[in-house]
Protein backbone atom coordinates (compact mmCIF):
# COMPACT_ATOMS: atom_id res chain seq x y z
CA MET A 1 3.67 -0.65 12.96
CA LEU A 2 2.01 2.79 15.03
CA ASP A 3 -1.72 1.55 14.06
CA GLN A 4 -4.30 -0.40 12.92
CA ASN A 5 -3.76 0.91 9.19
CA ALA A 6 0.18 -0.46 9.59
CA CYS A 7 -1.01 -3.28 10.93
CA ARG A 8 -2.53 -3.59 7.47
CA PHE A 9 1.04 -4.18 6.22
CA HIS A 10 2.51 -6.33 8.49
CA GLN A 11 5.06 -8.42 6.14
CA ARG A 12 3.27 -7.71 3.24
CA ILE A 13 5.85 -4.66 2.03
CA ALA A 14 9.07 -5.08 -0.26
CA TYR A 15 12.13 -2.43 0.03
CA ASP A 16 13.97 -1.76 -3.50
CA ARG A 17 16.99 -0.12 -2.36
CA ASP A 18 18.73 -0.57 -5.19
CA TYR A 19 17.82 2.44 -8.00
CA ALA A 20 19.91 2.31 -11.53
CA GLY A 21 17.65 4.93 -14.02
CA MET A 22 14.37 3.81 -15.52
CA ALA A 23 13.13 0.60 -16.09
CA LEU A 24 13.19 0.09 -19.52
CA GLU A 25 14.53 -3.39 -19.75
CA PRO A 26 12.38 -6.69 -19.30
CA SER A 27 14.90 -7.72 -17.08
CA GLU A 28 14.14 -5.03 -14.90
CA GLY A 29 9.85 -6.24 -14.53
CA GLU A 30 10.93 -9.54 -13.96
CA ARG A 31 13.65 -8.21 -10.72
CA VAL A 32 11.23 -6.32 -9.86
CA ALA A 33 8.72 -8.92 -9.61
CA GLY A 34 11.12 -11.22 -7.72
CA LEU A 35 10.62 -8.80 -5.14
CA MET A 36 7.33 -9.26 -4.85
CA GLN A 37 7.24 -12.90 -3.97
CA GLY A 38 5.83 -13.86 -0.86
CA GLY A 39 2.82 -12.27 -0.65
CA LYS A 40 4.05 -8.62 -1.11
CA SER A 41 1.35 -5.93 -2.45
CA VAL A 42 3.90 -2.96 -1.53
CA LEU A 43 6.80 -2.05 -3.48
CA PHE A 44 9.22 1.27 -1.60
CA MET A 45 11.45 1.37 -4.15
CA ALA A 46 14.79 4.10 -3.67
CA ASN A 47 14.93 7.53 -5.57
CA HIS A 48 11.41 5.94 -7.00
CA GLY A 49 8.21 6.13 -5.58
CA VAL A 50 5.94 3.32 -4.52
CA LEU A 51 4.29 0.12 -6.32
CA VAL A 52 1.00 -1.23 -5.08
CA VAL A 53 -0.44 -4.44 -6.75
CA GLY A 54 -3.77 -6.43 -6.09
CA PRO A 55 -6.12 -9.07 -7.46
CA THR A 56 -8.82 -5.68 -8.57
CA VAL A 57 -7.82 -1.99 -9.45
CA ALA A 58 -10.34 -1.85 -6.45
CA GLN A 59 -8.10 -3.87 -4.30
CA ALA A 60 -5.22 -2.06 -5.37
CA LEU A 61 -6.73 1.60 -4.49
CA ASP A 62 -7.73 0.46 -1.55
CA THR A 63 -4.60 -0.47 0.22
CA LEU A 64 -2.58 2.54 -1.44
CA TYR A 65 -5.18 4.72 0.45
CA TYR A 66 -4.78 2.84 4.24
CA LEU A 67 -1.39 2.74 2.65
CA GLU A 68 -0.90 6.35 2.74
CA LYS A 69 -2.51 7.27 5.39
CA ALA A 70 -0.40 4.67 7.13
CA ALA A 71 2.71 6.76 6.24
CA LYS A 72 1.45 10.20 6.78
CA LEU A 73 0.42 9.04 10.44
CA GLN A 74 4.06 7.40 10.79
CA VAL A 75 5.76 10.53 9.45
CA LEU A 76 3.47 12.74 11.70
CA ALA A 77 4.39 10.83 14.98
CA LEU A 78 8.14 10.88 14.05
CA SER A 79 7.75 15.45 13.67
CA THR A 80 7.13 14.64 17.43
CA GLY A 81 10.35 13.06 18.30
CA ARG A 82 9.45 11.45 21.11
CA PRO A 83 9.62 7.88 21.34
CA LEU A 84 7.32 5.96 19.31
CA SER A 85 4.67 3.47 21.10
CA LEU A 86 4.78 0.32 18.30
CA ILE A 87 2.60 -2.18 18.42
CA PRO A 88 3.86 -6.11 19.58
CA GLU A 89 5.12 -8.41 16.63
CA ASN A 90 2.48 -11.19 17.68
CA VAL A 91 -0.26 -7.75 17.36
CA ALA A 92 0.87 -7.04 14.30
CA ALA A 93 0.29 -9.75 12.74
CA LEU A 94 -2.83 -10.77 14.19
CA ALA A 95 -4.11 -7.74 12.52
CA CYS A 96 -2.26 -8.48 9.43
CA ALA A 97 -4.25 -11.73 8.97
CA GLN A 98 -7.31 -10.07 10.08
CA TRP A 99 -7.28 -7.61 7.17
CA ASN A 100 -7.03 -9.85 4.63
CA ASP A 101 -10.06 -12.06 6.29
CA TYR A 102 -11.57 -8.84 6.07
CA PRO A 103 -14.21 -8.99 3.27
CA THR A 104 -13.10 -7.61 0.10
CA GLU A 105 -16.63 -6.35 -1.28
CA PHE A 106 -15.67 -2.49 0.76
CA SER A 107 -12.84 -1.79 -1.51
CA GLU A 108 -15.38 -2.53 -4.85
CA LEU A 109 -17.55 -0.34 -2.67
CA HIS A 110 -15.40 2.45 -2.05
CA PHE A 111 -13.63 2.46 -5.63
CA LYS A 112 -17.05 2.48 -6.62
CA ALA A 113 -18.35 5.62 -5.18
CA LEU A 114 -14.57 7.43 -6.13
CA LYS A 115 -15.87 6.80 -9.37
CA GLN A 116 -19.56 8.24 -8.77
CA ILE A 117 -17.88 11.25 -7.65
CA LEU A 118 -15.42 11.66 -10.71
CA ASP A 119 -18.79 11.46 -13.03
CA LEU A 120 -20.47 14.47 -11.18
CA GLU A 121 -17.04 16.40 -10.46
CA GLU A 122 -15.22 15.00 -13.23
CA MET A 123 -16.80 14.00 -16.41
CA ASP A 124 -13.41 14.12 -18.66
CA TYR A 125 -12.25 11.37 -17.09
CA GLN A 126 -13.33 8.49 -18.96
CA LYS A 127 -11.77 9.66 -21.98
C-alpha cells in the first residue's frame, strides 16, 4: 500500500496465477467466482488481465479507475529503484474501511459525467 488510492484495495484483491486458456466452460466461471469470495472486488488473472466487480456499473468503473491510478503509482515508484515507503498495515486497513464507508453517489456522479462527455464527443457509443 503506497498511497490512499491503493489502500482502497486492502484485502480486496484476489489473484489467479493459474492461466489455463480461454474460459469457455461453465466450471471456469464457478472457479473464478470462488476466487473472489470474502469481499474481493478485483481479480488479477495470470496472463490474462484484471476483472473488477461492483454492485453497479458505476461503482465497478470507479473501482477500476482508482485501481489503475494505484497501479500506475506503484509502477512509477518501483521504477525509481529506491526503497518504497509503505503505509503500515493498520493504517491501510483503516483507510480501506473509510473508503468502504465513503458515499457511493460519487461513483454514480463520476459515471454520469463520463456519459455526458461521451454524449457530446462520441455520440455513436450508444449503438
